[in-house]
Amino acid sequence: MKSTKYLESLRGKSAAELNEELVSAKKELFNLRFQNATNQLDNTARVGEVRKNIARIQTVIAEKAKEA
């Protein structure tokens, strides 16, 4: 599964890399929302994918914090 591979790649990253990825995902979500509001977004399902990826990143960050 695609999401399982993505999760494994997230778990292999450090906390700093996860934070960088979280920031870039939030920027992408902002841009997608802006495009959607101006009717320039072709693939509206991408908004949901990015939101789920943000949740996955936050979950891995919480897991790493709990381990430490």
N, C-alpha and C. Protein backbone atom coordinates (compact mmCIF):
# COMPACT_ATOMS: atom_id res chain seq x y z
N MET A 1 0.83 -1.19 0.00
CA MET A 1 0.00 0.00 0.00
C MET A 1 0.87 1.25 0.00
N LYS A 2 0.37 2.25 -0.65
CA LYS A 2 1.10 3.50 -0.79
C LYS A 2 1.28 4.21 0.55
N SER A 3 0.22 4.27 1.34
CA SER A 3 0.31 4.99 2.62
C SER A 3 1.23 4.28 3.60
N THR A 4 1.32 2.96 3.52
CA THR A 4 2.21 2.21 4.41
C THR A 4 3.67 2.54 4.10
N LYS A 5 4.00 2.62 2.81
CA LYS A 5 5.36 2.98 2.42
C LYS A 5 5.68 4.40 2.86
N TYR A 6 4.71 5.28 2.73
CA TYR A 6 4.91 6.68 3.13
C TYR A 6 5.15 6.76 4.64
N LEU A 7 4.38 5.99 5.40
CA LEU A 7 4.54 5.98 6.85
C LEU A 7 5.91 5.44 7.24
N GLU A 8 6.37 4.40 6.59
CA GLU A 8 7.68 3.84 6.89
C GLU A 8 8.78 4.86 6.58
N SER A 9 8.62 5.60 5.49
CA SER A 9 9.62 6.62 5.17
C SER A 9 9.61 7.74 6.21
N LEU A 10 8.41 8.06 6.74
CA LEU A 10 8.33 9.09 7.78
C LEU A 10 8.99 8.63 9.07
N ARG A 11 8.78 7.37 9.40
CA ARG A 11 9.36 6.85 10.65
C ARG A 11 10.88 6.79 10.60
N GLY A 12 11.46 6.77 9.42
CA GLY A 12 12.90 6.74 9.27
C GLY A 12 13.55 8.11 9.35
N LYS A 13 12.75 9.16 9.42
CA LYS A 13 13.28 10.52 9.44
C LYS A 13 13.45 11.02 10.86
N SER A 14 14.31 12.03 11.01
CA SER A 14 14.52 12.66 12.31
C SER A 14 13.40 13.66 12.60
N ALA A 15 13.38 14.14 13.83
CA ALA A 15 12.34 15.09 14.23
C ALA A 15 12.44 16.39 13.43
N ALA A 16 13.65 16.84 13.15
CA ALA A 16 13.83 18.07 12.38
C ALA A 16 13.32 17.90 10.95
N GLU A 17 13.60 16.75 10.35
CA GLU A 17 13.12 16.49 9.00
C GLU A 17 11.60 16.40 8.96
N LEU A 18 11.02 15.81 10.01
CA LEU A 18 9.56 15.71 10.08
C LEU A 18 8.93 17.09 10.19
N ASN A 19 9.55 17.96 10.99
CA ASN A 19 9.01 19.31 11.13
C ASN A 19 9.09 20.07 9.81
N GLU A 20 10.19 19.88 9.06
CA GLU A 20 10.32 20.52 7.76
C GLU A 20 9.24 20.01 6.80
N GLU A 21 9.01 18.71 6.83
CA GLU A 21 8.00 18.13 5.95
C GLU A 21 6.60 18.62 6.34
N LEU A 22 6.36 18.78 7.64
CA LEU A 22 5.07 19.28 8.11
C LEU A 22 4.83 20.70 7.61
N VAL A 23 5.85 21.54 7.70
CA VAL A 23 5.72 22.92 7.24
C VAL A 23 5.45 22.96 5.74
N SER A 24 6.17 22.14 4.97
CA SER A 24 5.96 22.16 3.52
C SER A 24 4.57 21.62 3.16
N ALA A 25 4.08 20.63 3.91
CA ALA A 25 2.74 20.10 3.64
C ALA A 25 1.67 21.13 3.97
N LYS A 26 1.87 21.89 5.03
CA LYS A 26 0.90 22.93 5.38
C LYS A 26 0.90 24.05 4.34
N LYS A 27 2.08 24.38 3.80
CA LYS A 27 2.15 25.38 2.73
C LYS A 27 1.42 24.88 1.49
N GLU A 28 1.63 23.59 1.17
CA GLU A 28 0.95 23.03 0.01
C GLU A 28 -0.57 23.05 0.20
N LEU A 29 -1.03 22.73 1.41
CA LEU A 29 -2.46 22.76 1.68
C LEU A 29 -3.02 24.17 1.52
N PHE A 30 -2.28 25.16 2.01
CA PHE A 30 -2.71 26.55 1.85
C PHE A 30 -2.85 26.90 0.38
N ASN A 31 -1.84 26.52 -0.42
CA ASN A 31 -1.88 26.82 -1.85
C ASN A 31 -3.04 26.12 -2.55
N LEU A 32 -3.29 24.87 -2.16
CA LEU A 32 -4.41 24.14 -2.75
C LEU A 32 -5.75 24.78 -2.40
N ARG A 33 -5.89 25.21 -1.17
CA ARG A 33 -7.13 25.88 -0.76
C ARG A 33 -7.32 27.19 -1.54
N PHE A 34 -6.22 27.91 -1.72
CA PHE A 34 -6.29 29.16 -2.46
C PHE A 34 -6.69 28.90 -3.90
N GLN A 35 -6.10 27.88 -4.53
CA GLN A 35 -6.45 27.53 -5.91
C GLN A 35 -7.91 27.10 -6.00
N ASN A 36 -8.38 26.37 -4.99
CA ASN A 36 -9.78 25.91 -4.98
C ASN A 36 -10.73 27.10 -4.89
N ALA A 37 -10.38 28.09 -4.09
CA ALA A 37 -11.24 29.25 -3.91
C ALA A 37 -11.33 30.08 -5.19
N THR A 38 -10.26 30.06 -5.98
CA THR A 38 -10.26 30.84 -7.22
C THR A 38 -10.59 29.99 -8.44
N ASN A 39 -11.10 28.78 -8.21
CA ASN A 39 -11.50 27.85 -9.27
C ASN A 39 -10.36 27.50 -10.23
N GLN A 40 -9.16 27.39 -9.71
CA GLN A 40 -8.02 27.00 -10.53
C GLN A 40 -7.56 25.57 -10.23
N LEU A 41 -8.17 24.92 -9.26
CA LEU A 41 -7.74 23.59 -8.83
C LEU A 41 -8.43 22.53 -9.69
N ASP A 42 -7.62 21.68 -10.32
CA ASP A 42 -8.16 20.62 -11.17
C ASP A 42 -8.47 19.37 -10.35
N ASN A 43 -7.53 18.95 -9.50
CA ASN A 43 -7.69 17.72 -8.73
C ASN A 43 -8.06 18.08 -7.29
N THR A 44 -9.35 18.13 -7.01
CA THR A 44 -9.79 18.52 -5.67
C THR A 44 -9.52 17.43 -4.64
N ALA A 45 -9.30 16.21 -5.06
CA ALA A 45 -9.00 15.12 -4.13
C ALA A 45 -7.63 15.31 -3.48
N ARG A 46 -6.78 16.10 -4.12
CA ARG A 46 -5.43 16.35 -3.57
C ARG A 46 -5.50 17.04 -2.21
N VAL A 47 -6.53 17.86 -1.98
CA VAL A 47 -6.69 18.54 -0.69
C VAL A 47 -6.83 17.50 0.42
N GLY A 48 -7.64 16.50 0.21
CA GLY A 48 -7.83 15.45 1.20
C GLY A 48 -6.57 14.64 1.43
N GLU A 49 -5.82 14.36 0.34
CA GLU A 49 -4.58 13.61 0.47
C GLU A 49 -3.57 14.37 1.33
N VAL A 50 -3.45 15.67 1.09
CA VAL A 50 -2.49 16.47 1.84
C VAL A 50 -2.90 16.57 3.31
N ARG A 51 -4.20 16.69 3.56
CA ARG A 51 -4.67 16.74 4.95
C ARG A 51 -4.34 15.45 5.69
N LYS A 52 -4.51 14.32 5.01
CA LYS A 52 -4.20 13.03 5.63
C LYS A 52 -2.70 12.88 5.85
N ASN A 53 -1.90 13.39 4.90
CA ASN A 53 -0.45 13.34 5.07
C ASN A 53 -0.01 14.19 6.26
N ILE A 54 -0.64 15.33 6.45
CA ILE A 54 -0.32 16.17 7.61
C ILE A 54 -0.63 15.42 8.89
N ALA A 55 -1.77 14.74 8.92
CA ALA A 55 -2.14 13.96 10.10
C ALA A 55 -1.14 12.83 10.34
N ARG A 56 -0.68 12.19 9.27
CA ARG A 56 0.31 11.11 9.41
C ARG A 56 1.61 11.64 9.99
N ILE A 57 2.05 12.80 9.48
CA ILE A 57 3.29 13.40 9.96
C ILE A 57 3.16 13.75 11.44
N GLN A 58 2.04 14.35 11.82
CA GLN A 58 1.84 14.71 13.22
C GLN A 58 1.79 13.48 14.12
N THR A 59 1.23 12.39 13.62
CA THR A 59 1.17 11.15 14.39
C THR A 59 2.57 10.60 14.63
N VAL A 60 3.41 10.61 13.61
CA VAL A 60 4.78 10.10 13.76
C VAL A 60 5.57 11.00 14.72
N ILE A 61 5.35 12.31 14.65
CA ILE A 61 6.02 13.23 15.58
C ILE A 61 5.60 12.92 17.01
N ALA A 62 4.31 12.65 17.22
CA ALA A 62 3.82 12.32 18.56
C ALA A 62 4.40 10.99 19.03
N GLU A 63 4.52 10.02 18.16
CA GLU A 63 5.10 8.73 18.51
C GLU A 63 6.54 8.90 18.95
N LYS A 64 7.31 9.69 18.21
CA LYS A 64 8.72 9.91 18.54
C LYS A 64 8.86 10.66 19.86
N ALA A 65 7.95 11.60 20.13
CA ALA A 65 7.99 12.33 21.39
C ALA A 65 7.67 11.43 22.56
N LYS A 66 6.77 10.49 22.34
CA LYS A 66 6.39 9.57 23.41
C LYS A 66 7.52 8.59 23.73
N GLU A 67 8.29 8.20 22.71
CA GLU A 67 9.41 7.29 22.92
C GLU A 67 10.52 7.95 23.74
N ALA A 68 10.73 9.21 23.53
CA ALA A 68 11.84 9.90 24.19
C ALA A 68 11.57 10.21 25.64
